[in-house]
Amino acid sequence: MMAQTSVEQENKTSWMTILAGLIVILSLVAYYMLAGQTIWVRLAALLGGFAVAIVIAAISSDGKRFIAYAKESVAEAKKVVWPSRKETTQMTLIVFAFVVVMALFLWAADKLIEWLVFSVFLGWK
């Protein structure tokens, strides 16, 4: 009996999500169908439909899980220890220096290989 209730609830959730999606589509259609009306009427239809869809999605179990996930994500982001401006500048300079050194190394390796292939092995230069 418990498993059947869970399945029924999952089906209900998916229908609520589908209903929210259909309302979004209908509000977009209404926006374009009301082309002869003022922009305020068109925006009211569009934003009203979006608001209804958001409310329907939020009261579904998927929506509640998403809201809980978003709250937990914000709480975790607040726990992050961000580097200071000085640390960020130092690390950026280290990365730039490494890129310059690697560019010089790759240029030198390319020129060495070019010299070996064309001058030594092929004798073209």
PDB file of N, CA and C in Angstrom:
ATOM      1  N   MET A   1       0.831  -1.191   0.000  1.00  0.00           N
ATOM      2  CA  MET A   1       0.000   0.000   0.000  1.00  0.00           C
ATOM      3  C   MET A   1       0.874   1.253   0.000  1.00  0.00           C
ATOM      4  N   MET A   2       1.982   1.223   0.737  1.00  0.00           N
ATOM      5  CA  MET A   2       2.864   2.377   0.825  1.00  0.00           C
ATOM      6  C   MET A   2       3.505   2.677  -0.529  1.00  0.00           C
ATOM      7  N   ALA A   3       3.940   1.649  -1.257  1.00  0.00           N
ATOM      8  CA  ALA A   3       4.585   1.851  -2.549  1.00  0.00           C
ATOM      9  C   ALA A   3       3.612   2.458  -3.550  1.00  0.00           C
ATOM     10  N   GLN A   4       2.357   2.060  -3.486  1.00  0.00           N
ATOM     11  CA  GLN A   4       1.362   2.593  -4.416  1.00  0.00           C
ATOM     12  C   GLN A   4       1.154   4.084  -4.165  1.00  0.00           C
ATOM     13  N   THR A   5       1.129   4.502  -2.915  1.00  0.00           N
ATOM     14  CA  THR A   5       0.981   5.917  -2.581  1.00  0.00           C
ATOM     15  C   THR A   5       2.157   6.714  -3.119  1.00  0.00           C
ATOM     16  N   SER A   6       3.363   6.166  -3.002  1.00  0.00           N
ATOM     17  CA  SER A   6       4.557   6.843  -3.499  1.00  0.00           C
ATOM     18  C   SER A   6       4.495   7.019  -5.013  1.00  0.00           C
ATOM     19  N   VAL A   7       4.038   5.969  -5.712  1.00  0.00           N
ATOM     20  CA  VAL A   7       3.923   6.046  -7.163  1.00  0.00           C
ATOM     21  C   VAL A   7       2.871   7.058  -7.557  1.00  0.00           C
ATOM     22  N   GLU A   8       1.743   7.062  -6.832  1.00  0.00           N
ATOM     23  CA  GLU A   8       0.692   8.034  -7.128  1.00  0.00           C
ATOM     24  C   GLU A   8       1.199   9.456  -6.911  1.00  0.00           C
ATOM     25  N   GLN A   9       1.981   9.650  -5.858  1.00  0.00           N
ATOM     26  CA  GLN A   9       2.510  10.983  -5.584  1.00  0.00           C
ATOM     27  C   GLN A   9       3.493  11.402  -6.668  1.00  0.00           C
ATOM     28  N   GLU A  10       4.338  10.488  -7.154  1.00  0.00           N
ATOM     29  CA  GLU A  10       5.271  10.810  -8.230  1.00  0.00           C
ATOM     30  C   GLU A  10       4.510  11.191  -9.495  1.00  0.00           C
ATOM     31  N   ASN A  11       3.436  10.467  -9.816  1.00  0.00           N
ATOM     32  CA  ASN A  11       2.628  10.808 -10.986  1.00  0.00           C
ATOM     33  C   ASN A  11       1.987  12.178 -10.810  1.00  0.00           C
ATOM     34  N   LYS A  12       1.509  12.471  -9.605  1.00  0.00           N
ATOM     35  CA  LYS A  12       0.910  13.774  -9.327  1.00  0.00           C
ATOM     36  C   LYS A  12       1.943  14.882  -9.524  1.00  0.00           C
ATOM     37  N   THR A  13       3.159  14.644  -9.058  1.00  0.00           N
ATOM     38  CA  THR A  13       4.224  15.632  -9.201  1.00  0.00           C
ATOM     39  C   THR A  13       4.521  15.886 -10.665  1.00  0.00           C
ATOM     40  N   SER A  14       4.622  14.822 -11.441  1.00  0.00           N
ATOM     41  CA  SER A  14       4.944  15.029 -12.847  1.00  0.00           C
ATOM     42  C   SER A  14       3.809  15.776 -13.552  1.00  0.00           C
ATOM     43  N   TRP A  15       2.573  15.512 -13.157  1.00  0.00           N
ATOM     44  CA  TRP A  15       1.464  16.244 -13.765  1.00  0.00           C
ATOM     45  C   TRP A  15       1.502  17.709 -13.375  1.00  0.00           C
ATOM     46  N   MET A  16       1.874  17.998 -12.147  1.00  0.00           N
ATOM     47  CA  MET A  16       1.970  19.400 -11.725  1.00  0.00           C
ATOM     48  C   MET A  16       3.078  20.115 -12.494  1.00  0.00           C
ATOM     49  N   THR A  17       4.167  19.424 -12.722  1.00  0.00           N
ATOM     50  CA  THR A  17       5.268  20.015 -13.487  1.00  0.00           C
ATOM     51  C   THR A  17       4.843  20.243 -14.929  1.00  0.00           C
ATOM     52  N   ILE A  18       4.142  19.261 -15.500  1.00  0.00           N
ATOM     53  CA  ILE A  18       3.640  19.417 -16.875  1.00  0.00           C
ATOM     54  C   ILE A  18       2.646  20.566 -16.941  1.00  0.00           C
ATOM     55  N   LEU A  19       1.778  20.673 -15.941  1.00  0.00           N
ATOM     56  CA  LEU A  19       0.805  21.768 -15.909  1.00  0.00           C
ATOM     57  C   LEU A  19       1.515  23.119 -15.850  1.00  0.00           C
ATOM     58  N   ALA A  20       2.554  23.216 -15.045  1.00  0.00           N
ATOM     59  CA  ALA A  20       3.312  24.470 -14.957  1.00  0.00           C
ATOM     60  C   ALA A  20       3.940  24.802 -16.303  1.00  0.00           C
ATOM     61  N   GLY A  21       4.490  23.805 -16.972  1.00  0.00           N
ATOM     62  CA  GLY A  21       5.070  24.033 -18.301  1.00  0.00           C
ATOM     63  C   GLY A  21       4.031  24.474 -19.313  1.00  0.00           C
ATOM     64  N   LEU A  22       2.847  23.848 -19.271  1.00  0.00           N
ATOM     65  CA  LEU A  22       1.776  24.248 -20.190  1.00  0.00           C
ATOM     66  C   LEU A  22       1.311  25.680 -19.930  1.00  0.00           C
ATOM     67  N   ILE A  23       1.258  26.062 -18.679  1.00  0.00           N
ATOM     68  CA  ILE A  23       0.859  27.439 -18.355  1.00  0.00           C
ATOM     69  C   ILE A  23       1.891  28.432 -18.884  1.00  0.00           C
ATOM     70  N   VAL A  24       3.165  28.086 -18.795  1.00  0.00           N
ATOM     71  CA  VAL A  24       4.206  28.960 -19.352  1.00  0.00           C
ATOM     72  C   VAL A  24       4.011  29.099 -20.862  1.00  0.00           C
ATOM     73  N   ILE A  25       3.768  27.987 -21.529  1.00  0.00           N
ATOM     74  CA  ILE A  25       3.553  28.025 -22.984  1.00  0.00           C
ATOM     75  C   ILE A  25       2.318  28.835 -23.321  1.00  0.00           C
ATOM     76  N   LEU A  26       1.228  28.615 -22.571  1.00  0.00           N
ATOM     77  CA  LEU A  26      -0.002  29.370 -22.830  1.00  0.00           C
ATOM     78  C   LEU A  26       0.187  30.863 -22.581  1.00  0.00           C
ATOM     79  N   SER A  27       0.980  31.224 -21.582  1.00  0.00           N
ATOM     80  CA  SER A  27       1.211  32.657 -21.343  1.00  0.00           C
ATOM     81  C   SER A  27       2.028  33.270 -22.474  1.00  0.00           C
ATOM     82  N   LEU A  28       2.956  32.508 -23.045  1.00  0.00           N
ATOM     83  CA  LEU A  28       3.699  32.999 -24.206  1.00  0.00           C
ATOM     84  C   LEU A  28       2.782  33.159 -25.418  1.00  0.00           C
ATOM     85  N   VAL A  29       1.908  32.177 -25.608  1.00  0.00           N
ATOM     86  CA  VAL A  29       0.948  32.265 -26.716  1.00  0.00           C
ATOM     87  C   VAL A  29       0.037  33.467 -26.509  1.00  0.00           C
ATOM     88  N   ALA A  30      -0.443  33.670 -25.290  1.00  0.00           N
ATOM     89  CA  ALA A  30      -1.313  34.817 -25.000  1.00  0.00           C
ATOM     90  C   ALA A  30      -0.593  36.132 -25.274  1.00  0.00           C
ATOM     91  N   TYR A  31       0.688  36.204 -24.952  1.00  0.00           N
ATOM     92  CA  TYR A  31       1.461  37.410 -25.196  1.00  0.00           C
ATOM     93  C   TYR A  31       1.450  37.772 -26.681  1.00  0.00           C
ATOM     94  N   TYR A  32       1.643  36.767 -27.526  1.00  0.00           N
ATOM     95  CA  TYR A  32       1.668  37.037 -28.963  1.00  0.00           C
ATOM     96  C   TYR A  32       0.277  37.168 -29.561  1.00  0.00           C
ATOM     97  N   MET A  33      -0.705  36.501 -28.979  1.00  0.00           N
ATOM     98  CA  MET A  33      -2.075  36.617 -29.483  1.00  0.00           C
ATOM     99  C   MET A  33      -2.667  37.989 -29.156  1.00  0.00           C
ATOM    100  N   LEU A  34      -2.184  38.617 -28.118  1.00  0.00           N
ATOM    101  CA  LEU A  34      -2.674  39.933 -27.715  1.00  0.00           C
ATOM    102  C   LEU A  34      -1.853  41.051 -28.354  1.00  0.00           C
ATOM    103  N   ALA A  35      -1.375  40.830 -29.557  1.00  0.00           N
ATOM    104  CA  ALA A  35      -0.519  41.809 -30.232  1.00  0.00           C
ATOM    105  C   ALA A  35      -1.216  43.148 -30.444  1.00  0.00           C
ATOM    106  N   GLY A  36      -2.531  43.156 -30.544  1.00  0.00           N
ATOM    107  CA  GLY A  36      -3.274  44.394 -30.745  1.00  0.00           C
ATOM    108  C   GLY A  36      -3.472  45.193 -29.473  1.00  0.00           C
ATOM    109  N   GLN A  37      -3.207  44.606 -28.343  1.00  0.00           N
ATOM    110  CA  GLN A  37      -3.389  45.274 -27.055  1.00  0.00           C
ATOM    111  C   GLN A  37      -2.139  46.079 -26.694  1.00  0.00           C
ATOM    112  N   THR A  38      -2.273  46.854 -25.631  1.00  0.00           N
ATOM    113  CA  THR A  38      -1.112  47.620 -25.177  1.00  0.00           C
ATOM    114  C   THR A  38      -0.072  46.671 -24.590  1.00  0.00           C
ATOM    115  N   ILE A  39       1.136  47.172 -24.468  1.00  0.00           N
ATOM    116  CA  ILE A  39       2.221  46.356 -23.945  1.00  0.00           C
ATOM    117  C   ILE A  39       1.962  45.933 -22.506  1.00  0.00           C
ATOM    118  N   TRP A  40       1.242  46.767 -21.757  1.00  0.00           N
ATOM    119  CA  TRP A  40       0.969  46.456 -20.355  1.00  0.00           C
ATOM    120  C   TRP A  40       0.041  45.258 -20.223  1.00  0.00           C
ATOM    121  N   VAL A  41      -0.951  45.166 -21.103  1.00  0.00           N
ATOM    122  CA  VAL A  41      -1.859  44.014 -21.083  1.00  0.00           C
ATOM    123  C   VAL A  41      -1.093  42.754 -21.465  1.00  0.00           C
ATOM    124  N   ARG A  42      -0.249  42.874 -22.479  1.00  0.00           N
ATOM    125  CA  ARG A  42       0.535  41.719 -22.927  1.00  0.00           C
ATOM    126  C   ARG A  42       1.498  41.251 -21.842  1.00  0.00           C
ATOM    127  N   LEU A  43       2.194  42.202 -21.204  1.00  0.00           N
ATOM    128  CA  LEU A  43       3.115  41.836 -20.133  1.00  0.00           C
ATOM    129  C   LEU A  43       2.390  41.254 -18.921  1.00  0.00           C
ATOM    130  N   ALA A  44       1.192  41.770 -18.633  1.00  0.00           N
ATOM    131  CA  ALA A  44       0.408  41.225 -17.517  1.00  0.00           C
ATOM    132  C   ALA A  44       0.048  39.769 -17.792  1.00  0.00           C
ATOM    133  N   ALA A  45      -0.343  39.466 -19.021  1.00  0.00           N
ATOM    134  CA  ALA A  45      -0.669  38.084 -19.372  1.00  0.00           C
ATOM    135  C   ALA A  45       0.574  37.202 -19.263  1.00  0.00           C
ATOM    136  N   LEU A  46       1.686  37.692 -19.766  1.00  0.00           N
ATOM    137  CA  LEU A  46       2.919  36.914 -19.742  1.00  0.00           C
ATOM    138  C   LEU A  46       3.417  36.695 -18.316  1.00  0.00           C
ATOM    139  N   LEU A  47       3.573  37.767 -17.559  1.00  0.00           N
ATOM    140  CA  LEU A  47       4.106  37.662 -16.207  1.00  0.00           C
ATOM    141  C   LEU A  47       3.129  36.975 -15.255  1.00  0.00           C
ATOM    142  N   GLY A  48       1.823  37.191 -15.472  1.00  0.00           N
ATOM    143  CA  GLY A  48       0.824  36.493 -14.660  1.00  0.00           C
ATOM    144  C   GLY A  48       0.900  34.993 -14.871  1.00  0.00           C
ATOM    145  N   GLY A  49       1.023  34.584 -16.124  1.00  0.00           N
ATOM    146  CA  GLY A  49       1.160  33.156 -16.419  1.00  0.00           C
ATOM    147  C   GLY A  49       2.424  32.575 -15.812  1.00  0.00           C
ATOM    148  N   PHE A  50       3.522  33.310 -15.904  1.00  0.00           N
ATOM    149  CA  PHE A  50       4.770  32.844 -15.309  1.00  0.00           C
ATOM    150  C   PHE A  50       4.628  32.720 -13.785  1.00  0.00           C
ATOM    151  N   ALA A  51       3.969  33.687 -13.162  1.00  0.00           N
ATOM    152  CA  ALA A  51       3.791  33.662 -11.706  1.00  0.00           C
ATOM    153  C   ALA A  51       2.965  32.446 -11.286  1.00  0.00           C
ATOM    154  N   VAL A  52       1.887  32.178 -12.008  1.00  0.00           N
ATOM    155  CA  VAL A  52       1.055  31.010 -11.693  1.00  0.00           C
ATOM    156  C   VAL A  52       1.857  29.727 -11.872  1.00  0.00           C
ATOM    157  N   ALA A  53       2.646  29.654 -12.948  1.00  0.00           N
ATOM    158  CA  ALA A  53       3.465  28.465 -13.202  1.00  0.00           C
ATOM    159  C   ALA A  53       4.502  28.276 -12.096  1.00  0.00           C
ATOM    160  N   ILE A  54       5.103  29.352 -11.637  1.00  0.00           N
ATOM    161  CA  ILE A  54       6.101  29.254 -10.571  1.00  0.00           C
ATOM    162  C   ILE A  54       5.453  28.766  -9.278  1.00  0.00           C
ATOM    163  N   VAL A  55       4.263  29.265  -8.963  1.00  0.00           N
ATOM    164  CA  VAL A  55       3.569  28.828  -7.752  1.00  0.00           C
ATOM    165  C   VAL A  55       3.223  27.348  -7.840  1.00  0.00           C
ATOM    166  N   ILE A  56       2.717  26.917  -8.993  1.00  0.00           N
ATOM    167  CA  ILE A  56       2.369  25.502  -9.161  1.00  0.00           C
ATOM    168  C   ILE A  56       3.619  24.637  -9.054  1.00  0.00           C
ATOM    169  N   ALA A  57       4.706  25.063  -9.688  1.00  0.00           N
ATOM    170  CA  ALA A  57       5.945  24.294  -9.614  1.00  0.00           C
ATOM    171  C   ALA A  57       6.496  24.269  -8.194  1.00  0.00           C
ATOM    172  N   ALA A  58       6.348  25.361  -7.457  1.00  0.00           N
ATOM    173  CA  ALA A  58       6.904  25.440  -6.101  1.00  0.00           C
ATOM    174  C   ALA A  58       6.144  24.560  -5.121  1.00  0.00           C
ATOM    175  N   ILE A  59       4.848  24.351  -5.334  1.00  0.00           N
ATOM    176  CA  ILE A  59       4.087  23.521  -4.394  1.00  0.00           C
ATOM    177  C   ILE A  59       4.190  22.037  -4.724  1.00  0.00           C
ATOM    178  N   SER A  60       4.774  21.705  -5.872  1.00  0.00           N
ATOM    179  CA  SER A  60       4.980  20.292  -6.186  1.00  0.00           C
ATOM    180  C   SER A  60       6.128  19.756  -5.338  1.00  0.00           C
ATOM    181  N   SER A  61       6.220  18.443  -5.214  1.00  0.00           N
ATOM    182  CA  SER A  61       7.296  17.886  -4.392  1.00  0.00           C
ATOM    183  C   SER A  61       8.655  18.126  -5.046  1.00  0.00           C
ATOM    184  N   ASP A  62       8.703  18.114  -6.389  1.00  0.00           N
ATOM    185  CA  ASP A  62       9.957  18.449  -7.069  1.00  0.00           C
ATOM    186  C   ASP A  62      10.374  19.877  -6.762  1.00  0.00           C
ATOM    187  N   GLY A  63       9.404  20.787  -6.768  1.00  0.00           N
ATOM    188  CA  GLY A  63       9.689  22.185  -6.464  1.00  0.00           C
ATOM    189  C   GLY A  63      10.173  22.368  -5.041  1.00  0.00           C
ATOM    190  N   LYS A  64       9.554  21.644  -4.111  1.00  0.00           N
ATOM    191  CA  LYS A  64       9.983  21.739  -2.711  1.00  0.00           C
ATOM    192  C   LYS A  64      11.398  21.208  -2.546  1.00  0.00           C
ATOM    193  N   ARG A  65      11.710  20.111  -3.249  1.00  0.00           N
ATOM    194  CA  ARG A  65      13.073  19.579  -3.187  1.00  0.00           C
ATOM    195  C   ARG A  65      14.066  20.562  -3.795  1.00  0.00           C
ATOM    196  N   PHE A  66      13.682  21.218  -4.898  1.00  0.00           N
ATOM    197  CA  PHE A  66      14.564  22.200  -5.527  1.00  0.00           C
ATOM    198  C   PHE A  66      14.811  23.384  -4.600  1.00  0.00           C
ATOM    199  N   ILE A  67      13.766  23.854  -3.938  1.00  0.00           N
ATOM    200  CA  ILE A  67      13.914  24.986  -3.015  1.00  0.00           C
ATOM    201  C   ILE A  67      14.838  24.605  -1.852  1.00  0.00           C
ATOM    202  N   ALA A  68      14.668  23.388  -1.328  1.00  0.00           N
ATOM    203  CA  ALA A  68      15.547  22.930  -0.241  1.00  0.00           C
ATOM    204  C   ALA A  68      16.989  22.831  -0.730  1.00  0.00           C
ATOM    205  N   TYR A  69      17.175  22.325  -1.947  1.00  0.00           N
ATOM    206  CA  TYR A  69      18.523  22.226  -2.514  1.00  0.00           C
ATOM    207  C   TYR A  69      19.138  23.616  -2.675  1.00  0.00           C
ATOM    208  N   ALA A  70      18.354  24.577  -3.156  1.00  0.00           N
ATOM    209  CA  ALA A  70      18.868  25.934  -3.344  1.00  0.00           C
ATOM    210  C   ALA A  70      19.271  26.556  -2.000  1.00  0.00           C
ATOM    211  N   LYS A  71      18.460  26.338  -0.968  1.00  0.00           N
ATOM    212  CA  LYS A  71      18.797  26.876   0.355  1.00  0.00           C
ATOM    213  C   LYS A  71      20.080  26.247   0.889  1.00  0.00           C
ATOM    214  N   GLU A  72      20.221  24.929   0.700  1.00  0.00           N
ATOM    215  CA  GLU A  72      21.435  24.258   1.156  1.00  0.00           C
ATOM    216  C   GLU A  72      22.659  24.742   0.374  1.00  0.00           C
ATOM    217  N   SER A  73      22.482  25.018  -0.915  1.00  0.00           N
ATOM    218  CA  SER A  73      23.592  25.514  -1.727  1.00  0.00           C
ATOM    219  C   SER A  73      24.045  26.887  -1.256  1.00  0.00           C
ATOM    220  N   VAL A  74      23.103  27.742  -0.932  1.00  0.00           N
ATOM    221  CA  VAL A  74      23.449  29.077  -0.426  1.00  0.00           C
ATOM    222  C   VAL A  74      24.178  28.956   0.915  1.00  0.00           C
ATOM    223  N   ALA A  75      23.699  28.056   1.773  1.00  0.00           N
ATOM    224  CA  ALA A  75      24.351  27.865   3.069  1.00  0.00           C
ATOM    225  C   ALA A  75      25.787  27.360   2.878  1.00  0.00           C
ATOM    226  N   GLU A  76      26.002  26.448   1.945  1.00  0.00           N
ATOM    227  CA  GLU A  76      27.351  25.944   1.681  1.00  0.00           C
ATOM    228  C   GLU A  76      28.245  27.028   1.084  1.00  0.00           C
ATOM    229  N   ALA A  77      27.688  27.857   0.204  1.00  0.00           N
ATOM    230  CA  ALA A  77      28.476  28.935  -0.399  1.00  0.00           C
ATOM    231  C   ALA A  77      28.924  29.945   0.662  1.00  0.00           C
ATOM    232  N   LYS A  78      28.105  30.123   1.699  1.00  0.00           N
ATOM    233  CA  LYS A  78      28.477  31.046   2.767  1.00  0.00           C
ATOM    234  C   LYS A  78      29.630  30.498   3.620  1.00  0.00           C
ATOM    235  N   LYS A  79      29.835  29.183   3.597  1.00  0.00           N
ATOM    236  CA  LYS A  79      30.906  28.567   4.372  1.00  0.00           C
ATOM    237  C   LYS A  79      32.266  28.667   3.680  1.00  0.00           C
ATOM    238  N   VAL A  80      32.271  29.034   2.411  1.00  0.00           N
ATOM    239  CA  VAL A  80      33.518  29.080   1.653  1.00  0.00           C
ATOM    240  C   VAL A  80      34.405  30.200   2.183  1.00  0.00           C
ATOM    241  N   VAL A  81      35.682  29.891   2.344  1.00  0.00           N
ATOM    242  CA  VAL A  81      36.655  30.899   2.760  1.00  0.00           C
ATOM    243  C   VAL A  81      37.313  31.426   1.492  1.00  0.00           C
ATOM    244  N   TRP A  82      36.987  32.646   1.126  1.00  0.00           N
ATOM    245  CA  TRP A  82      37.500  33.236  -0.094  1.00  0.00           C
ATOM    246  C   TRP A  82      38.884  33.813   0.148  1.00  0.00           C
ATOM    247  N   PRO A  83      39.754  33.751  -0.860  1.00  0.00           N
ATOM    248  CA  PRO A  83      41.105  34.317  -0.667  1.00  0.00           C
ATOM    249  C   PRO A  83      41.051  35.845  -0.593  1.00  0.00           C
ATOM    250  N   SER A  84      42.033  36.396   0.070  1.00  0.00           N
ATOM    251  CA  SER A  84      42.113  37.857   0.177  1.00  0.00           C
ATOM    252  C   SER A  84      42.557  38.432  -1.173  1.00  0.00           C
ATOM    253  N   ARG A  85      42.490  39.742  -1.284  1.00  0.00           N
ATOM    254  CA  ARG A  85      42.913  40.405  -2.519  1.00  0.00           C
ATOM    255  C   ARG A  85      44.401  40.156  -2.779  1.00  0.00           C
ATOM    256  N   LYS A  86      45.200  40.192  -1.715  1.00  0.00           N
ATOM    257  CA  LYS A  86      46.641  39.975  -1.854  1.00  0.00           C
ATOM    258  C   LYS A  86      46.919  38.552  -2.354  1.00  0.00           C
ATOM    259  N   GLU A  87      46.253  37.561  -1.757  1.00  0.00           N
ATOM    260  CA  GLU A  87      46.446  36.174  -2.188  1.00  0.00           C
ATOM    261  C   GLU A  87      46.015  35.970  -3.639  1.00  0.00           C
ATOM    262  N   THR A  88      44.908  36.586  -4.012  1.00  0.00           N
ATOM    263  CA  THR A  88      44.421  36.463  -5.383  1.00  0.00           C
ATOM    264  C   THR A  88      45.411  37.070  -6.365  1.00  0.00           C
ATOM    265  N   THR A  89      45.939  38.242  -6.038  1.00  0.00           N
ATOM    266  CA  THR A  89      46.922  38.899  -6.905  1.00  0.00           C
ATOM    267  C   THR A  89      48.180  38.046  -7.030  1.00  0.00           C
ATOM    268  N   GLN A  90      48.661  37.517  -5.915  1.00  0.00           N
ATOM    269  CA  GLN A  90      49.864  36.689  -5.946  1.00  0.00           C
ATOM    270  C   GLN A  90      49.665  35.442  -6.804  1.00  0.00           C
ATOM    271  N   MET A  91      48.541  34.776  -6.635  1.00  0.00           N
ATOM    272  CA  MET A  91      48.282  33.556  -7.408  1.00  0.00           C
ATOM    273  C   MET A  91      48.120  33.872  -8.898  1.00  0.00           C
ATOM    274  N   THR A  92      47.506  35.003  -9.217  1.00  0.00           N
ATOM    275  CA  THR A  92      47.359  35.405 -10.615  1.00  0.00           C
ATOM    276  C   THR A  92      48.721  35.658 -11.239  1.00  0.00           C
ATOM    277  N   LEU A  93      49.605  36.342 -10.513  1.00  0.00           N
ATOM    278  CA  LEU A  93      50.949  36.600 -11.026  1.00  0.00           C
ATOM    279  C   LEU A  93      51.735  35.308 -11.210  1.00  0.00           C
ATOM    280  N   ILE A  94      51.555  34.355 -10.304  1.00  0.00           N
ATOM    281  CA  ILE A  94      52.230  33.059 -10.445  1.00  0.00           C
ATOM    282  C   ILE A  94      51.744  32.340 -11.699  1.00  0.00           C
ATOM    283  N   VAL A  95      50.451  32.378 -11.936  1.00  0.00           N
ATOM    284  CA  VAL A  95      49.897  31.735 -13.144  1.00  0.00           C
ATOM    285  C   VAL A  95      50.436  32.412 -14.396  1.00  0.00           C
ATOM    286  N   PHE A  96      50.453  33.744 -14.427  1.00  0.00           N
ATOM    287  CA  PHE A  96      50.995  34.455 -15.592  1.00  0.00           C
ATOM    288  C   PHE A  96      52.466  34.112 -15.820  1.00  0.00           C
ATOM    289  N   ALA A  97      53.253  34.069 -14.733  1.00  0.00           N
ATOM    290  CA  ALA A  97      54.670  33.729 -14.862  1.00  0.00           C
ATOM    291  C   ALA A  97      54.831  32.315 -15.409  1.00  0.00           C
ATOM    292  N   PHE A  98      54.040  31.384 -14.927  1.00  0.00           N
ATOM    293  CA  PHE A  98      54.096  30.011 -15.416  1.00  0.00           C
ATOM    294  C   PHE A  98      53.742  29.947 -16.900  1.00  0.00           C
ATOM    295  N   VAL A  99      52.743  30.702 -17.317  1.00  0.00           N
ATOM    296  CA  VAL A  99      52.347  30.714 -18.732  1.00  0.00           C
ATOM    297  C   VAL A  99      53.488  31.258 -19.591  1.00  0.00           C
ATOM    298  N   VAL A 100      54.149  32.319 -19.147  1.00  0.00           N
ATOM    299  CA  VAL A 100      55.263  32.885 -19.907  1.00  0.00           C
ATOM    300  C   VAL A 100      56.414  31.876 -20.003  1.00  0.00           C
ATOM    301  N   VAL A 101      56.746  31.232 -18.885  1.00  0.00           N
ATOM    302  CA  VAL A 101      57.824  30.240 -18.893  1.00  0.00           C
ATOM    303  C   VAL A 101      57.475  29.082 -19.828  1.00  0.00           C
ATOM    304  N   MET A 102      56.236  28.591 -19.760  1.00  0.00           N
ATOM    305  CA  MET A 102      55.828  27.491 -20.639  1.00  0.00           C
ATOM    306  C   MET A 102      55.839  27.919 -22.107  1.00  0.00           C
ATOM    307  N   ALA A 103      55.423  29.149 -22.387  1.00  0.00           N
ATOM    308  CA  ALA A 103      55.443  29.638 -23.769  1.00  0.00           C
ATOM    309  C   ALA A 103      56.875  29.687 -24.291  1.00  0.00           C
ATOM    310  N   LEU A 104      57.801  30.183 -23.478  1.00  0.00           N
ATOM    311  CA  LEU A 104      59.205  30.220 -23.891  1.00  0.00           C
ATOM    312  C   LEU A 104      59.763  28.813 -24.085  1.00  0.00           C
ATOM    313  N   PHE A 105      59.434  27.901 -23.177  1.00  0.00           N
ATOM    314  CA  PHE A 105      59.896  26.522 -23.307  1.00  0.00           C
ATOM    315  C   PHE A 105      59.367  25.879 -24.590  1.00  0.00           C
ATOM    316  N   LEU A 106      58.065  26.038 -24.851  1.00  0.00           N
ATOM    317  CA  LEU A 106      57.485  25.441 -26.060  1.00  0.00           C
ATOM    318  C   LEU A 106      58.051  26.077 -27.327  1.00  0.00           C
ATOM    319  N   TRP A 107      58.320  27.392 -27.288  1.00  0.00           N
ATOM    320  CA  TRP A 107      58.927  28.054 -28.452  1.00  0.00           C
ATOM    321  C   TRP A 107      60.330  27.487 -28.688  1.00  0.00           C
ATOM    322  N   ALA A 108      61.095  27.355 -27.604  1.00  0.00           N
ATOM    323  CA  ALA A 108      62.456  26.822 -27.735  1.00  0.00           C
ATOM    324  C   ALA A 108      62.428  25.372 -28.219  1.00  0.00           C
ATOM    325  N   ALA A 109      61.522  24.564 -27.699  1.00  0.00           N
ATOM    326  CA  ALA A 109      61.410  23.174 -28.133  1.00  0.00           C
ATOM    327  C   ALA A 109      61.017  23.112 -29.605  1.00  0.00           C
ATOM    328  N   ASP A 110      60.102  23.962 -30.022  1.00  0.00           N
ATOM    329  CA  ASP A 110      59.680  23.993 -31.426  1.00  0.00           C
ATOM    330  C   ASP A 110      60.851  24.371 -32.334  1.00  0.00           C
ATOM    331  N   LYS A 111      61.613  25.383 -31.955  1.00  0.00           N
ATOM    332  CA  LYS A 111      62.760  25.812 -32.769  1.00  0.00           C
ATOM    333  C   LYS A 111      63.842  24.735 -32.816  1.00  0.00           C
ATOM    334  N   LEU A 112      64.057  24.043 -31.689  1.00  0.00           N
ATOM    335  CA  LEU A 112      65.035  22.959 -31.658  1.00  0.00           C
ATOM    336  C   LEU A 112      64.618  21.821 -32.586  1.00  0.00           C
ATOM    337  N   ILE A 113      63.352  21.434 -32.495  1.00  0.00           N
ATOM    338  CA  ILE A 113      62.854  20.363 -33.374  1.00  0.00           C
ATOM    339  C   ILE A 113      62.910  20.801 -34.833  1.00  0.00           C
ATOM    340  N   GLU A 114      62.550  22.052 -35.104  1.00  0.00           N
ATOM    341  CA  GLU A 114      62.619  22.572 -36.474  1.00  0.00           C
ATOM    342  C   GLU A 114      64.052  22.517 -36.994  1.00  0.00           C
ATOM    343  N   TRP A 115      65.011  22.955 -36.175  1.00  0.00           N
ATOM    344  CA  TRP A 115      66.416  22.934 -36.582  1.00  0.00           C
ATOM    345  C   TRP A 115      66.890  21.502 -36.818  1.00  0.00           C
ATOM    346  N   LEU A 116      66.534  20.589 -35.901  1.00  0.00           N
ATOM    347  CA  LEU A 116      66.947  19.194 -36.055  1.00  0.00           C
ATOM    348  C   LEU A 116      66.384  18.573 -37.326  1.00  0.00           C
ATOM    349  N   VAL A 117      65.113  18.781 -37.592  1.00  0.00           N
ATOM    350  CA  VAL A 117      64.477  18.135 -38.749  1.00  0.00           C
ATOM    351  C   VAL A 117      64.969  18.753 -40.051  1.00  0.00           C
ATOM    352  N   PHE A 118      64.903  20.071 -40.164  1.00  0.00           N
ATOM    353  CA  PHE A 118      65.191  20.694 -41.445  1.00  0.00           C
ATOM    354  C   PHE A 118      66.688  20.853 -41.723  1.00  0.00           C
ATOM    355  N   SER A 119      67.469  21.219 -40.720  1.00  0.00           N
ATOM    356  CA  SER A 119      68.903  21.453 -40.956  1.00  0.00           C
ATOM    357  C   SER A 119      69.742  20.189 -40.832  1.00  0.00           C
ATOM    358  N   VAL A 120      69.521  19.434 -39.783  1.00  0.00           N
ATOM    359  CA  VAL A 120      70.382  18.275 -39.528  1.00  0.00           C
ATOM    360  C   VAL A 120      69.964  17.084 -40.373  1.00  0.00           C
ATOM    361  N   PHE A 121      68.711  16.686 -40.303  1.00  0.00           N
ATOM    362  CA  PHE A 121      68.271  15.460 -40.984  1.00  0.00           C
ATOM    363  C   PHE A 121      68.030  15.659 -42.480  1.00  0.00           C
ATOM    364  N   LEU A 122      67.352  16.739 -42.847  1.00  0.00           N
ATOM    365  CA  LEU A 122      67.007  16.957 -44.253  1.00  0.00           C
ATOM    366  C   LEU A 122      68.013  17.815 -45.005  1.00  0.00           C
ATOM    367  N   GLY A 123      68.753  18.625 -44.281  1.00  0.00           N
ATOM    368  CA  GLY A 123      69.758  19.489 -44.908  1.00  0.00           C
ATOM    369  C   GLY A 123      69.155  20.561 -45.788  1.00  0.00           C
ATOM    370  N   TRP A 124      67.961  21.046 -45.482  1.00  0.00           N
ATOM    371  CA  TRP A 124      67.300  22.050 -46.328  1.00  0.00           C
ATOM    372  C   TRP A 124      67.780  23.455 -46.053  1.00  0.00           C
ATOM    373  N   LYS A 125      68.324  23.745 -44.915  1.00  0.00           N
ATOM    374  CA  LYS A 125      68.702  25.139 -44.614  1.00  0.00           C
ATOM    375  C   LYS A 125      70.180  25.307 -44.623  1.00  0.00           C
TER     376      LYS A 125
END
